[in-house]
Amino acid sequence: MIRYFIALTGLTFALTQAAGAATREEQKQACQGDAIRLCTLAIPNEAKITACMKKKIDQLSPKCRAMFTPVPQARKAPAPKPKQG
């Protein structure tokens, strides 16, 4: 059980880069079940868990899948053209 906790803590850290807006607790809640269900053999190696989950992204729950989707960056408006006068 401790092995799962350590691995999922690592998974939460790994997901931080993918979904910067989510908190660690939100990431853990969203993906803990999927990690255990789909990537048990990768536990406790966080890099392997992350790779496994990315490989099986189509099998992840919608909430966990969202953690792997990058947060869209706001597009900058084009700079106004200088007026010629």
C-alpha atoms as a PDB file:
ATOM      1  CA  MET A   1       0.000   0.000   0.000  1.00  0.00           C
ATOM      2  CA  ILE A   2       2.847   2.369   0.763  1.00  0.00           C
ATOM      3  CA  ARG A   3       4.255   1.526  -2.662  1.00  0.00           C
ATOM      4  CA  TYR A   4       1.045   2.784  -4.291  1.00  0.00           C
ATOM      5  CA  PHE A   5       1.051   5.968  -2.222  1.00  0.00           C
ATOM      6  CA  ILE A   6       4.644   6.766  -3.139  1.00  0.00           C
ATOM      7  CA  ALA A   7       4.023   6.042  -6.803  1.00  0.00           C
ATOM      8  CA  LEU A   8       0.874   8.108  -6.944  1.00  0.00           C
ATOM      9  CA  THR A   9       2.594  10.979  -5.225  1.00  0.00           C
ATOM     10  CA  GLY A  10       5.222  10.771  -7.965  1.00  0.00           C
ATOM     11  CA  LEU A  11       2.517  10.579 -10.604  1.00  0.00           C
ATOM     12  CA  THR A  12       0.976  13.724  -9.217  1.00  0.00           C
ATOM     13  CA  PHE A  13       4.346  15.456  -9.546  1.00  0.00           C
ATOM     14  CA  ALA A  14       4.733  14.197 -13.119  1.00  0.00           C
ATOM     15  CA  LEU A  15       1.291  15.464 -14.077  1.00  0.00           C
ATOM     16  CA  THR A  16       2.009  18.912 -12.677  1.00  0.00           C
ATOM     17  CA  GLN A  17       3.844  19.838 -15.851  1.00  0.00           C
ATOM     18  CA  ALA A  18       1.011  18.595 -18.069  1.00  0.00           C
ATOM     19  CA  ALA A  19      -1.804  20.392 -16.325  1.00  0.00           C
ATOM     20  CA  GLY A  20      -0.438  23.402 -14.510  1.00  0.00           C
ATOM     21  CA  ALA A  21      -3.837  24.691 -13.435  1.00  0.00           C
ATOM     22  CA  ALA A  22      -4.765  21.593 -11.411  1.00  0.00           C
ATOM     23  CA  THR A  23      -3.629  21.125  -7.826  1.00  0.00           C
ATOM     24  CA  ARG A  24      -1.791  18.009  -6.741  1.00  0.00           C
ATOM     25  CA  GLU A  25      -4.856  16.810  -4.856  1.00  0.00           C
ATOM     26  CA  GLU A  26      -7.059  17.275  -7.937  1.00  0.00           C
ATOM     27  CA  GLN A  27      -4.570  15.327 -10.032  1.00  0.00           C
ATOM     28  CA  LYS A  28      -4.408  12.527  -7.491  1.00  0.00           C
ATOM     29  CA  GLN A  29      -8.190  12.287  -7.251  1.00  0.00           C
ATOM     30  CA  ALA A  30      -8.553  12.305 -11.027  1.00  0.00           C
ATOM     31  CA  CYS A  31      -5.907   9.691 -11.826  1.00  0.00           C
ATOM     32  CA  GLN A  32      -5.334   7.426  -8.838  1.00  0.00           C
ATOM     33  CA  GLY A  33      -7.912   4.841  -9.896  1.00  0.00           C
ATOM     34  CA  ASP A  34      -6.736   4.868 -13.515  1.00  0.00           C
ATOM     35  CA  ALA A  35      -3.102   4.415 -12.478  1.00  0.00           C
ATOM     36  CA  ILE A  36      -3.970   1.402 -10.351  1.00  0.00           C
ATOM     37  CA  ARG A  37      -6.354  -0.058 -12.945  1.00  0.00           C
ATOM     38  CA  LEU A  38      -4.246   0.467 -16.069  1.00  0.00           C
ATOM     39  CA  CYS A  39      -0.623   0.768 -14.984  1.00  0.00           C
ATOM     40  CA  THR A  40      -0.181  -1.377 -11.872  1.00  0.00           C
ATOM     41  CA  LEU A  41       2.979  -3.009 -13.218  1.00  0.00           C
ATOM     42  CA  ALA A  42       4.620   0.406 -13.635  1.00  0.00           C
ATOM     43  CA  ILE A  43       4.170   1.313  -9.963  1.00  0.00           C
ATOM     44  CA  PRO A  44       6.266   2.721  -8.209  1.00  0.00           C
ATOM     45  CA  ASN A  45       8.301   4.169 -11.107  1.00  0.00           C
ATOM     46  CA  GLU A  46       6.697   7.556 -11.803  1.00  0.00           C
ATOM     47  CA  ALA A  47       8.249   7.894 -15.271  1.00  0.00           C
ATOM     48  CA  LYS A  48       6.865   4.486 -16.251  1.00  0.00           C
ATOM     49  CA  ILE A  49       3.436   5.301 -14.787  1.00  0.00           C
ATOM     50  CA  THR A  50       3.297   8.543 -16.755  1.00  0.00           C
ATOM     51  CA  ALA A  51       4.439   6.819 -19.963  1.00  0.00           C
ATOM     52  CA  CYS A  52       1.916   4.026 -19.428  1.00  0.00           C
ATOM     53  CA  MET A  53      -0.932   6.454 -18.864  1.00  0.00           C
ATOM     54  CA  LYS A  54       0.015   8.526 -21.916  1.00  0.00           C
ATOM     55  CA  LYS A  55       0.107   5.332 -23.977  1.00  0.00           C
ATOM     56  CA  LYS A  56      -3.353   4.372 -22.700  1.00  0.00           C
ATOM     57  CA  ILE A  57      -4.782   7.900 -22.760  1.00  0.00           C
ATOM     58  CA  ASP A  58      -7.857   6.743 -24.668  1.00  0.00           C
ATOM     59  CA  GLN A  59      -8.684   4.406 -21.752  1.00  0.00           C
ATOM     60  CA  LEU A  60      -8.338   7.050 -19.031  1.00  0.00           C
ATOM     61  CA  SER A  61     -11.339   8.510 -17.304  1.00  0.00           C
ATOM     62  CA  PRO A  62     -12.306  11.933 -18.688  1.00  0.00           C
ATOM     63  CA  LYS A  63     -11.091  13.690 -15.533  1.00  0.00           C
ATOM     64  CA  CYS A  64      -7.683  11.998 -15.659  1.00  0.00           C
ATOM     65  CA  ARG A  65      -7.349  12.506 -19.409  1.00  0.00           C
ATOM     66  CA  ALA A  66      -7.832  16.224 -18.811  1.00  0.00           C
ATOM     67  CA  MET A  67      -4.743  16.183 -16.582  1.00  0.00           C
ATOM     68  CA  PHE A  68      -2.671  15.130 -19.600  1.00  0.00           C
ATOM     69  CA  THR A  69      -4.087  17.811 -21.864  1.00  0.00           C
ATOM     70  CA  PRO A  70      -1.956  20.964 -21.899  1.00  0.00           C
ATOM     71  CA  VAL A  71      -3.647  24.110 -20.713  1.00  0.00           C
ATOM     72  CA  PRO A  72      -4.161  26.271 -23.813  1.00  0.00           C
ATOM     73  CA  GLN A  73      -2.154  29.446 -23.799  1.00  0.00           C
ATOM     74  CA  ALA A  74      -3.964  32.696 -24.424  1.00  0.00           C
ATOM     75  CA  ARG A  75      -3.262  33.907 -27.922  1.00  0.00           C
ATOM     76  CA  LYS A  76      -1.742  37.314 -28.167  1.00  0.00           C
ATOM     77  CA  ALA A  77      -3.628  39.834 -30.224  1.00  0.00           C
ATOM     78  CA  PRO A  78      -1.604  41.079 -33.169  1.00  0.00           C
ATOM     79  CA  ALA A  79       0.139  44.354 -32.570  1.00  0.00           C
ATOM     80  CA  PRO A  80      -1.761  47.283 -34.065  1.00  0.00           C
ATOM     81  CA  LYS A  81      -0.332  48.576 -37.289  1.00  0.00           C
ATOM     82  CA  PRO A  82       1.093  52.054 -37.066  1.00  0.00           C
ATOM     83  CA  LYS A  83      -1.075  54.712 -38.665  1.00  0.00           C
ATOM     84  CA  GLN A  84       0.414  56.349 -41.680  1.00  0.00           C
ATOM     85  CA  GLY A  85      -0.462  59.901 -41.901  1.00  0.00           C
END
